[in-house]
Amino acid sequence: MRFLLQAVRSGLMVTLAMSLALVATAQAADTSVDYLIVGDEIPQRLIAEPGNPGRGRETVRDMAQVTCLICHAMPIPEEPDHGQIGPSLIGIGSRLSEGQIRLRLVDPKSMNSKSIMPAYYQTQNLTRVQELYKERTIYSPQQLEDVVAYLTSLKDR
């Protein structure tokens, strides 16, 4: 019975994440910039301005921006509920480089074809996207770089 409840909760969380992705997509940038995948990373920032970790922290908590907390545990103690669907992001900056984190946000399926994580900066090769939301990204280039800066700052102590 406990497994069934966990499965139902997980399914609801995935549905919520996908719904939020669609809502947030409507608010994101209509245009995107090109990027180059090199190996398992996108080594260059999407924009010239470096990301701001403080803004990134707020972005990952923002329900309108498809909060990472739906699926991941994070070092954000003021948020009561953290997801357990995806891997913990605590210490992610010690495990992955800035470019590796960027690729996982831009195109998570490039690293795991079965990933249910939304592609925060992808407009092509997506499935079940409503016409209204096509050709738009969830995060703007600045938001993506802010989130990358925040996640990169999460180091093991």
N, C-alpha and C. Protein backbone atom coordinates (compact mmCIF):
# COMPACT_ATOMS: atom_id res chain seq x y z
N MET A 1 0.83 -1.19 0.00
CA MET A 1 0.00 0.00 0.00
C MET A 1 0.87 1.25 0.00
N ARG A 2 1.95 1.24 0.80
CA ARG A 2 2.83 2.40 0.87
C ARG A 2 3.46 2.69 -0.50
N PHE A 3 3.88 1.62 -1.20
CA PHE A 3 4.47 1.78 -2.53
C PHE A 3 3.46 2.43 -3.47
N LEU A 4 2.19 1.99 -3.39
CA LEU A 4 1.14 2.54 -4.24
C LEU A 4 0.96 4.02 -3.96
N LEU A 5 0.95 4.42 -2.70
CA LEU A 5 0.81 5.82 -2.35
C LEU A 5 1.98 6.64 -2.87
N GLN A 6 3.20 6.09 -2.77
CA GLN A 6 4.37 6.78 -3.28
C GLN A 6 4.29 6.92 -4.79
N ALA A 7 3.83 5.89 -5.47
CA ALA A 7 3.70 5.93 -6.93
C ALA A 7 2.68 6.98 -7.35
N VAL A 8 1.55 7.02 -6.64
CA VAL A 8 0.52 8.02 -6.94
C VAL A 8 1.07 9.41 -6.71
N ARG A 9 1.76 9.62 -5.59
CA ARG A 9 2.34 10.93 -5.29
C ARG A 9 3.36 11.32 -6.36
N SER A 10 4.21 10.38 -6.75
CA SER A 10 5.19 10.65 -7.78
C SER A 10 4.52 11.02 -9.09
N GLY A 11 3.47 10.29 -9.44
CA GLY A 11 2.74 10.58 -10.67
C GLY A 11 2.11 11.95 -10.63
N LEU A 12 1.55 12.32 -9.49
CA LEU A 12 0.97 13.66 -9.36
C LEU A 12 2.03 14.74 -9.44
N MET A 13 3.19 14.48 -8.86
CA MET A 13 4.27 15.46 -8.91
C MET A 13 4.76 15.66 -10.35
N VAL A 14 4.87 14.58 -11.09
CA VAL A 14 5.29 14.67 -12.49
C VAL A 14 4.26 15.45 -13.29
N THR A 15 2.98 15.15 -13.08
CA THR A 15 1.91 15.87 -13.77
C THR A 15 1.96 17.34 -13.42
N LEU A 16 2.15 17.67 -12.15
CA LEU A 16 2.26 19.06 -11.72
C LEU A 16 3.45 19.73 -12.38
N ALA A 17 4.58 19.06 -12.40
CA ALA A 17 5.78 19.64 -13.02
C ALA A 17 5.55 19.92 -14.49
N MET A 18 4.92 19.00 -15.18
CA MET A 18 4.65 19.20 -16.61
C MET A 18 3.66 20.33 -16.82
N SER A 19 2.64 20.42 -15.99
CA SER A 19 1.68 21.51 -16.10
C SER A 19 2.34 22.85 -15.85
N LEU A 20 3.17 22.90 -14.82
CA LEU A 20 3.88 24.14 -14.52
C LEU A 20 4.83 24.50 -15.66
N ALA A 21 5.42 23.52 -16.28
CA ALA A 21 6.32 23.78 -17.40
C ALA A 21 5.56 24.46 -18.52
N LEU A 22 4.35 24.02 -18.78
CA LEU A 22 3.56 24.63 -19.83
C LEU A 22 3.19 26.06 -19.49
N VAL A 23 2.81 26.31 -18.24
CA VAL A 23 2.47 27.66 -17.81
C VAL A 23 3.69 28.57 -17.87
N ALA A 24 4.80 28.10 -17.35
CA ALA A 24 6.01 28.92 -17.33
C ALA A 24 6.52 29.18 -18.73
N THR A 25 6.32 28.25 -19.64
CA THR A 25 6.78 28.42 -21.00
C THR A 25 6.13 29.64 -21.63
N ALA A 26 4.89 29.89 -21.30
CA ALA A 26 4.20 31.04 -21.87
C ALA A 26 4.84 32.35 -21.44
N GLN A 27 5.53 32.34 -20.31
CA GLN A 27 6.14 33.55 -19.79
C GLN A 27 7.60 33.72 -20.22
N ALA A 28 8.17 32.71 -20.83
CA ALA A 28 9.60 32.74 -21.15
C ALA A 28 9.86 33.46 -22.45
N ALA A 29 11.14 33.57 -22.77
CA ALA A 29 11.57 34.27 -23.96
C ALA A 29 11.07 33.58 -25.22
N ASP A 30 10.71 34.40 -26.21
CA ASP A 30 10.26 33.86 -27.48
C ASP A 30 11.43 33.48 -28.37
N THR A 31 12.60 34.01 -28.08
CA THR A 31 13.77 33.70 -28.90
C THR A 31 14.83 33.05 -28.03
N SER A 32 15.66 32.25 -28.64
CA SER A 32 16.73 31.62 -27.90
C SER A 32 18.03 31.83 -28.66
N VAL A 33 19.12 31.64 -27.96
CA VAL A 33 20.43 31.77 -28.58
C VAL A 33 21.00 30.39 -28.83
N ASP A 34 21.90 30.30 -29.78
CA ASP A 34 22.52 29.02 -30.10
C ASP A 34 23.54 28.65 -29.03
N TYR A 35 23.78 27.37 -28.91
CA TYR A 35 24.77 26.84 -27.97
C TYR A 35 25.42 25.64 -28.61
N LEU A 36 26.59 25.28 -28.10
CA LEU A 36 27.34 24.15 -28.64
C LEU A 36 27.57 23.13 -27.55
N ILE A 37 27.15 21.89 -27.79
CA ILE A 37 27.40 20.80 -26.85
C ILE A 37 28.75 20.20 -27.19
N VAL A 38 29.63 20.14 -26.19
CA VAL A 38 30.95 19.54 -26.35
C VAL A 38 31.06 18.42 -25.32
N GLY A 39 31.04 17.18 -25.82
CA GLY A 39 31.08 16.04 -24.92
C GLY A 39 29.83 16.00 -24.07
N ASP A 40 30.00 16.10 -22.75
CA ASP A 40 28.86 16.04 -21.83
C ASP A 40 28.56 17.40 -21.20
N GLU A 41 28.86 18.47 -21.95
CA GLU A 41 28.60 19.80 -21.39
C GLU A 41 28.36 20.84 -22.47
N ILE A 42 27.84 21.97 -22.03
CA ILE A 42 27.77 23.18 -22.85
C ILE A 42 28.73 24.13 -22.14
N PRO A 43 29.98 24.21 -22.63
CA PRO A 43 31.01 24.94 -21.88
C PRO A 43 30.84 26.46 -21.85
N GLN A 44 30.21 27.03 -22.86
CA GLN A 44 30.07 28.49 -22.93
C GLN A 44 28.72 28.94 -22.39
N ARG A 45 28.73 30.07 -21.67
CA ARG A 45 27.48 30.66 -21.20
C ARG A 45 26.60 31.00 -22.40
N LEU A 46 25.31 31.04 -22.19
CA LEU A 46 24.37 31.40 -23.24
C LEU A 46 24.37 32.89 -23.52
N ILE A 47 24.83 33.66 -22.54
CA ILE A 47 24.90 35.12 -22.68
C ILE A 47 26.23 35.58 -22.10
N ALA A 48 26.60 36.83 -22.39
CA ALA A 48 27.88 37.33 -21.91
C ALA A 48 27.90 37.54 -20.40
N GLU A 49 26.79 38.02 -19.85
CA GLU A 49 26.74 38.31 -18.41
C GLU A 49 26.76 37.03 -17.60
N PRO A 50 27.62 36.95 -16.60
CA PRO A 50 27.63 35.76 -15.73
C PRO A 50 26.31 35.64 -14.97
N GLY A 51 25.98 34.42 -14.60
CA GLY A 51 24.79 34.20 -13.81
C GLY A 51 24.95 34.72 -12.39
N ASN A 52 23.83 35.02 -11.76
CA ASN A 52 23.81 35.51 -10.40
C ASN A 52 23.23 34.42 -9.50
N PRO A 53 24.03 33.85 -8.58
CA PRO A 53 23.53 32.75 -7.74
C PRO A 53 22.31 33.11 -6.90
N GLY A 54 22.23 34.35 -6.43
CA GLY A 54 21.07 34.77 -5.63
C GLY A 54 19.79 34.74 -6.44
N ARG A 55 19.85 35.28 -7.65
CA ARG A 55 18.68 35.23 -8.53
C ARG A 55 18.37 33.78 -8.90
N GLY A 56 19.41 32.98 -9.11
CA GLY A 56 19.20 31.57 -9.45
C GLY A 56 18.49 30.83 -8.36
N ARG A 57 18.86 31.11 -7.11
CA ARG A 57 18.20 30.46 -5.97
C ARG A 57 16.71 30.80 -5.95
N GLU A 58 16.39 32.05 -6.22
CA GLU A 58 14.98 32.46 -6.26
C GLU A 58 14.25 31.79 -7.43
N THR A 59 14.91 31.66 -8.55
CA THR A 59 14.29 31.02 -9.71
C THR A 59 13.96 29.56 -9.43
N VAL A 60 14.88 28.82 -8.80
CA VAL A 60 14.61 27.39 -8.55
C VAL A 60 13.51 27.20 -7.52
N ARG A 61 13.20 28.23 -6.74
CA ARG A 61 12.12 28.15 -5.74
C ARG A 61 10.78 28.62 -6.30
N ASP A 62 10.78 29.29 -7.43
CA ASP A 62 9.60 29.96 -7.98
C ASP A 62 8.68 28.96 -8.68
N MET A 63 7.49 28.74 -8.14
CA MET A 63 6.55 27.80 -8.72
C MET A 63 6.16 28.19 -10.15
N ALA A 64 6.15 29.46 -10.46
CA ALA A 64 5.82 29.90 -11.82
C ALA A 64 6.93 29.55 -12.81
N GLN A 65 8.12 29.23 -12.31
CA GLN A 65 9.24 28.88 -13.17
C GLN A 65 9.58 27.40 -13.10
N VAL A 66 8.64 26.57 -12.74
CA VAL A 66 8.84 25.13 -12.63
C VAL A 66 9.93 24.83 -11.60
N THR A 67 9.62 25.07 -10.38
CA THR A 67 10.58 24.89 -9.29
C THR A 67 11.26 23.53 -9.32
N CYS A 68 12.54 23.54 -9.11
CA CYS A 68 13.33 22.30 -9.04
C CYS A 68 12.93 21.47 -7.82
N LEU A 69 12.34 22.12 -6.83
CA LEU A 69 11.97 21.45 -5.59
C LEU A 69 10.86 20.42 -5.78
N ILE A 70 10.16 20.46 -6.87
CA ILE A 70 9.12 19.46 -7.12
C ILE A 70 9.74 18.07 -7.18
N CYS A 71 10.94 18.00 -7.78
CA CYS A 71 11.56 16.69 -8.01
C CYS A 71 12.86 16.47 -7.23
N HIS A 72 13.50 17.53 -6.76
CA HIS A 72 14.84 17.40 -6.18
C HIS A 72 14.91 17.95 -4.75
N ALA A 73 15.73 17.30 -3.93
CA ALA A 73 16.09 17.85 -2.63
C ALA A 73 17.17 18.91 -2.86
N MET A 74 17.05 20.02 -2.14
CA MET A 74 18.00 21.12 -2.30
C MET A 74 18.28 21.73 -0.92
N PRO A 75 19.40 22.43 -0.78
CA PRO A 75 19.70 23.06 0.51
C PRO A 75 18.93 24.37 0.68
N ILE A 76 17.62 24.25 0.72
CA ILE A 76 16.74 25.40 0.90
C ILE A 76 15.82 25.05 2.07
N PRO A 77 16.31 25.22 3.29
CA PRO A 77 15.58 24.74 4.47
C PRO A 77 14.24 25.44 4.71
N GLU A 78 14.07 26.65 4.20
CA GLU A 78 12.80 27.35 4.43
C GLU A 78 11.65 26.79 3.59
N GLU A 79 11.97 25.93 2.63
CA GLU A 79 10.94 25.26 1.84
C GLU A 79 10.67 23.90 2.49
N PRO A 80 9.43 23.62 2.87
CA PRO A 80 9.15 22.41 3.65
C PRO A 80 9.18 21.11 2.85
N ASP A 81 8.80 21.15 1.60
CA ASP A 81 8.69 19.91 0.83
C ASP A 81 9.67 19.88 -0.32
N HIS A 82 10.49 18.86 -0.33
CA HIS A 82 11.46 18.67 -1.41
C HIS A 82 11.15 17.33 -2.08
N GLY A 83 11.23 17.32 -3.41
CA GLY A 83 10.93 16.11 -4.14
C GLY A 83 12.01 15.06 -4.00
N GLN A 84 11.64 13.84 -4.31
CA GLN A 84 12.57 12.72 -4.27
C GLN A 84 12.54 11.92 -5.56
N ILE A 85 11.92 12.48 -6.59
CA ILE A 85 11.85 11.81 -7.88
C ILE A 85 13.21 11.83 -8.57
N GLY A 86 13.85 12.99 -8.55
CA GLY A 86 15.17 13.14 -9.17
C GLY A 86 16.26 13.07 -8.12
N PRO A 87 17.51 13.08 -8.57
CA PRO A 87 18.62 13.03 -7.62
C PRO A 87 18.70 14.30 -6.77
N SER A 88 19.26 14.19 -5.60
CA SER A 88 19.48 15.35 -4.75
C SER A 88 20.42 16.33 -5.44
N LEU A 89 20.14 17.61 -5.30
CA LEU A 89 21.01 18.64 -5.86
C LEU A 89 21.94 19.23 -4.80
N ILE A 90 21.87 18.70 -3.60
CA ILE A 90 22.77 19.14 -2.53
C ILE A 90 24.19 18.73 -2.93
N GLY A 91 25.08 19.69 -3.03
CA GLY A 91 26.46 19.42 -3.40
C GLY A 91 26.69 19.19 -4.89
N ILE A 92 25.70 19.51 -5.73
CA ILE A 92 25.82 19.24 -7.17
C ILE A 92 27.02 19.97 -7.79
N GLY A 93 27.38 21.12 -7.24
CA GLY A 93 28.53 21.87 -7.76
C GLY A 93 29.86 21.18 -7.53
N SER A 94 29.90 20.22 -6.62
CA SER A 94 31.11 19.43 -6.39
C SER A 94 31.16 18.21 -7.31
N ARG A 95 30.02 17.83 -7.85
CA ARG A 95 29.95 16.63 -8.69
C ARG A 95 29.98 16.92 -10.18
N LEU A 96 29.44 18.07 -10.56
CA LEU A 96 29.36 18.43 -11.98
C LEU A 96 29.96 19.80 -12.22
N SER A 97 30.51 19.98 -13.42
CA SER A 97 31.06 21.29 -13.80
C SER A 97 29.91 22.22 -14.20
N GLU A 98 30.24 23.48 -14.33
CA GLU A 98 29.26 24.48 -14.78
C GLU A 98 28.66 24.05 -16.12
N GLY A 99 29.48 23.63 -17.05
CA GLY A 99 29.00 23.22 -18.37
C GLY A 99 28.14 21.98 -18.33
N GLN A 100 28.46 21.04 -17.45
CA GLN A 100 27.64 19.83 -17.30
C GLN A 100 26.27 20.17 -16.72
N ILE A 101 26.23 21.07 -15.76
CA ILE A 101 24.96 21.51 -15.19
C ILE A 101 24.15 22.22 -16.26
N ARG A 102 24.79 23.09 -17.03
CA ARG A 102 24.10 23.83 -18.09
C ARG A 102 23.44 22.85 -19.08
N LEU A 103 24.16 21.83 -19.51
CA LEU A 103 23.59 20.87 -20.46
C LEU A 103 22.38 20.15 -19.86
N ARG A 104 22.46 19.79 -18.60
CA ARG A 104 21.35 19.07 -17.97
C ARG A 104 20.10 19.94 -17.86
N LEU A 105 20.28 21.25 -17.76
CA LEU A 105 19.13 22.16 -17.74
C LEU A 105 18.60 22.41 -19.15
N VAL A 106 19.51 22.58 -20.10
CA VAL A 106 19.11 22.88 -21.47
C VAL A 106 18.44 21.66 -22.11
N ASP A 107 19.05 20.50 -21.99
CA ASP A 107 18.57 19.32 -22.69
C ASP A 107 18.83 18.06 -21.86
N PRO A 108 18.01 17.82 -20.84
CA PRO A 108 18.26 16.67 -19.96
C PRO A 108 18.22 15.33 -20.67
N LYS A 109 17.47 15.22 -21.74
CA LYS A 109 17.39 13.95 -22.45
C LYS A 109 18.69 13.61 -23.19
N SER A 110 19.55 14.58 -23.38
CA SER A 110 20.84 14.29 -24.03
C SER A 110 21.71 13.42 -23.12
N MET A 111 21.47 13.48 -21.83
CA MET A 111 22.24 12.69 -20.87
C MET A 111 21.47 11.43 -20.45
N ASN A 112 20.15 11.50 -20.49
CA ASN A 112 19.31 10.37 -20.08
C ASN A 112 18.04 10.41 -20.91
N SER A 113 17.95 9.56 -21.90
CA SER A 113 16.82 9.59 -22.82
C SER A 113 15.47 9.33 -22.13
N LYS A 114 15.49 8.75 -20.93
CA LYS A 114 14.26 8.46 -20.21
C LYS A 114 13.93 9.51 -19.16
N SER A 115 14.69 10.58 -19.12
CA SER A 115 14.48 11.63 -18.13
C SER A 115 13.09 12.25 -18.28
N ILE A 116 12.45 12.53 -17.15
CA ILE A 116 11.18 13.23 -17.17
C ILE A 116 11.36 14.71 -16.84
N MET A 117 12.60 15.11 -16.64
CA MET A 117 12.90 16.51 -16.34
C MET A 117 12.58 17.38 -17.55
N PRO A 118 11.93 18.52 -17.33
CA PRO A 118 11.65 19.40 -18.46
C PRO A 118 12.95 19.98 -19.03
N ALA A 119 12.95 20.24 -20.31
CA ALA A 119 14.07 20.91 -20.96
C ALA A 119 13.83 22.41 -20.79
N TYR A 120 14.61 23.05 -19.94
CA TYR A 120 14.36 24.44 -19.59
C TYR A 120 14.76 25.42 -20.69
N TYR A 121 15.54 24.96 -21.64
CA TYR A 121 15.99 25.87 -22.69
C TYR A 121 16.02 25.14 -24.03
N GLN A 122 14.96 24.45 -24.32
CA GLN A 122 14.87 23.66 -25.54
C GLN A 122 13.55 23.99 -26.21
N THR A 123 13.57 24.12 -27.52
CA THR A 123 12.33 24.37 -28.25
C THR A 123 12.08 23.32 -29.33
N GLN A 124 13.05 22.48 -29.60
CA GLN A 124 12.94 21.49 -30.67
C GLN A 124 12.89 20.08 -30.08
N ASN A 125 12.32 19.17 -30.85
CA ASN A 125 12.27 17.75 -30.50
C ASN A 125 11.60 17.48 -29.15
N LEU A 126 10.59 18.24 -28.84
CA LEU A 126 9.82 18.04 -27.61
C LEU A 126 8.51 17.34 -27.95
N THR A 127 7.94 16.66 -27.01
CA THR A 127 6.67 15.98 -27.24
C THR A 127 5.59 16.58 -26.38
N ARG A 128 4.38 16.47 -26.80
CA ARG A 128 3.19 16.92 -26.08
C ARG A 128 3.27 18.39 -25.66
N VAL A 129 3.71 19.25 -26.57
CA VAL A 129 3.76 20.69 -26.29
C VAL A 129 2.58 21.33 -27.02
N GLN A 130 1.77 22.07 -26.28
CA GLN A 130 0.63 22.73 -26.89
C GLN A 130 1.11 23.78 -27.89
N GLU A 131 0.34 24.00 -28.92
CA GLU A 131 0.71 24.94 -29.98
C GLU A 131 1.07 26.31 -29.42
N LEU A 132 0.33 26.77 -28.46
CA LEU A 132 0.58 28.07 -27.84
C LEU A 132 1.99 28.20 -27.28
N TYR A 133 2.58 27.09 -26.86
CA TYR A 133 3.87 27.13 -26.18
C TYR A 133 5.04 26.72 -27.06
N LYS A 134 4.81 26.40 -28.29
CA LYS A 134 5.91 25.99 -29.17
C LYS A 134 6.81 27.18 -29.46
N GLU A 135 8.09 26.87 -29.63
CA GLU A 135 9.12 27.86 -29.98
C GLU A 135 9.42 28.83 -28.83
N ARG A 136 9.10 28.43 -27.61
CA ARG A 136 9.43 29.24 -26.43
C ARG A 136 10.19 28.37 -25.44
N THR A 137 11.06 28.98 -24.68
CA THR A 137 11.80 28.25 -23.66
C THR A 137 11.17 28.52 -22.29
N ILE A 138 11.40 27.64 -21.33
CA ILE A 138 10.91 27.85 -19.97
C ILE A 138 11.69 28.98 -19.32
N TYR A 139 13.02 28.90 -19.41
CA TYR A 139 13.89 29.94 -18.85
C TYR A 139 14.44 30.81 -19.96
N SER A 140 14.59 32.09 -19.65
CA SER A 140 15.33 32.98 -20.55
C SER A 140 16.81 32.63 -20.42
N PRO A 141 17.66 33.10 -21.34
CA PRO A 141 19.09 32.83 -21.19
C PRO A 141 19.63 33.32 -19.84
N GLN A 142 19.19 34.50 -19.38
CA GLN A 142 19.67 35.02 -18.10
C GLN A 142 19.22 34.14 -16.95
N GLN A 143 17.96 33.73 -16.95
CA GLN A 143 17.48 32.86 -15.88
C GLN A 143 18.25 31.55 -15.86
N LEU A 144 18.50 30.98 -17.02
CA LEU A 144 19.24 29.73 -17.07
C LEU A 144 20.63 29.91 -16.49
N GLU A 145 21.30 30.98 -16.86
CA GLU A 145 22.65 31.22 -16.33
C GLU A 145 22.62 31.51 -14.83
N ASP A 146 21.57 32.16 -14.36
CA ASP A 146 21.44 32.39 -12.91
C ASP A 146 21.29 31.05 -12.18
N VAL A 147 20.47 30.16 -12.71
CA VAL A 147 20.28 28.85 -12.09
C VAL A 147 21.58 28.05 -12.14
N VAL A 148 22.28 28.10 -13.26
CA VAL A 148 23.58 27.41 -13.36
C VAL A 148 24.53 27.95 -12.30
N ALA A 149 24.57 29.27 -12.13
CA ALA A 149 25.46 29.87 -11.12
C ALA A 149 25.09 29.40 -9.72
N TYR A 150 23.80 29.33 -9.43
CA TYR A 150 23.37 28.87 -8.12
C TYR A 150 23.74 27.40 -7.90
N LEU A 151 23.40 26.56 -8.85
CA LEU A 151 23.69 25.13 -8.69
C LEU A 151 25.18 24.86 -8.62
N THR A 152 25.96 25.60 -9.38
CA THR A 152 27.43 25.44 -9.34
C THR A 152 27.97 25.83 -7.97
N SER A 153 27.30 26.76 -7.29
CA SER A 153 27.76 27.20 -5.97
C SER A 153 27.47 26.18 -4.87
N LEU A 154 26.67 25.17 -5.16
CA LEU A 154 26.30 24.17 -4.15
C LEU A 154 27.41 23.12 -4.05
N LYS A 155 28.37 23.38 -3.20
CA LYS A 155 29.53 22.50 -3.02
C LYS A 155 29.41 21.71 -1.73
N ASP A 156 29.96 20.49 -1.77
CA ASP A 156 30.04 19.71 -0.53
C ASP A 156 31.02 20.41 0.40
N ARG A 157 30.72 20.35 1.65
CA ARG A 157 31.61 21.03 2.63
C ARG A 157 32.62 20.08 3.18
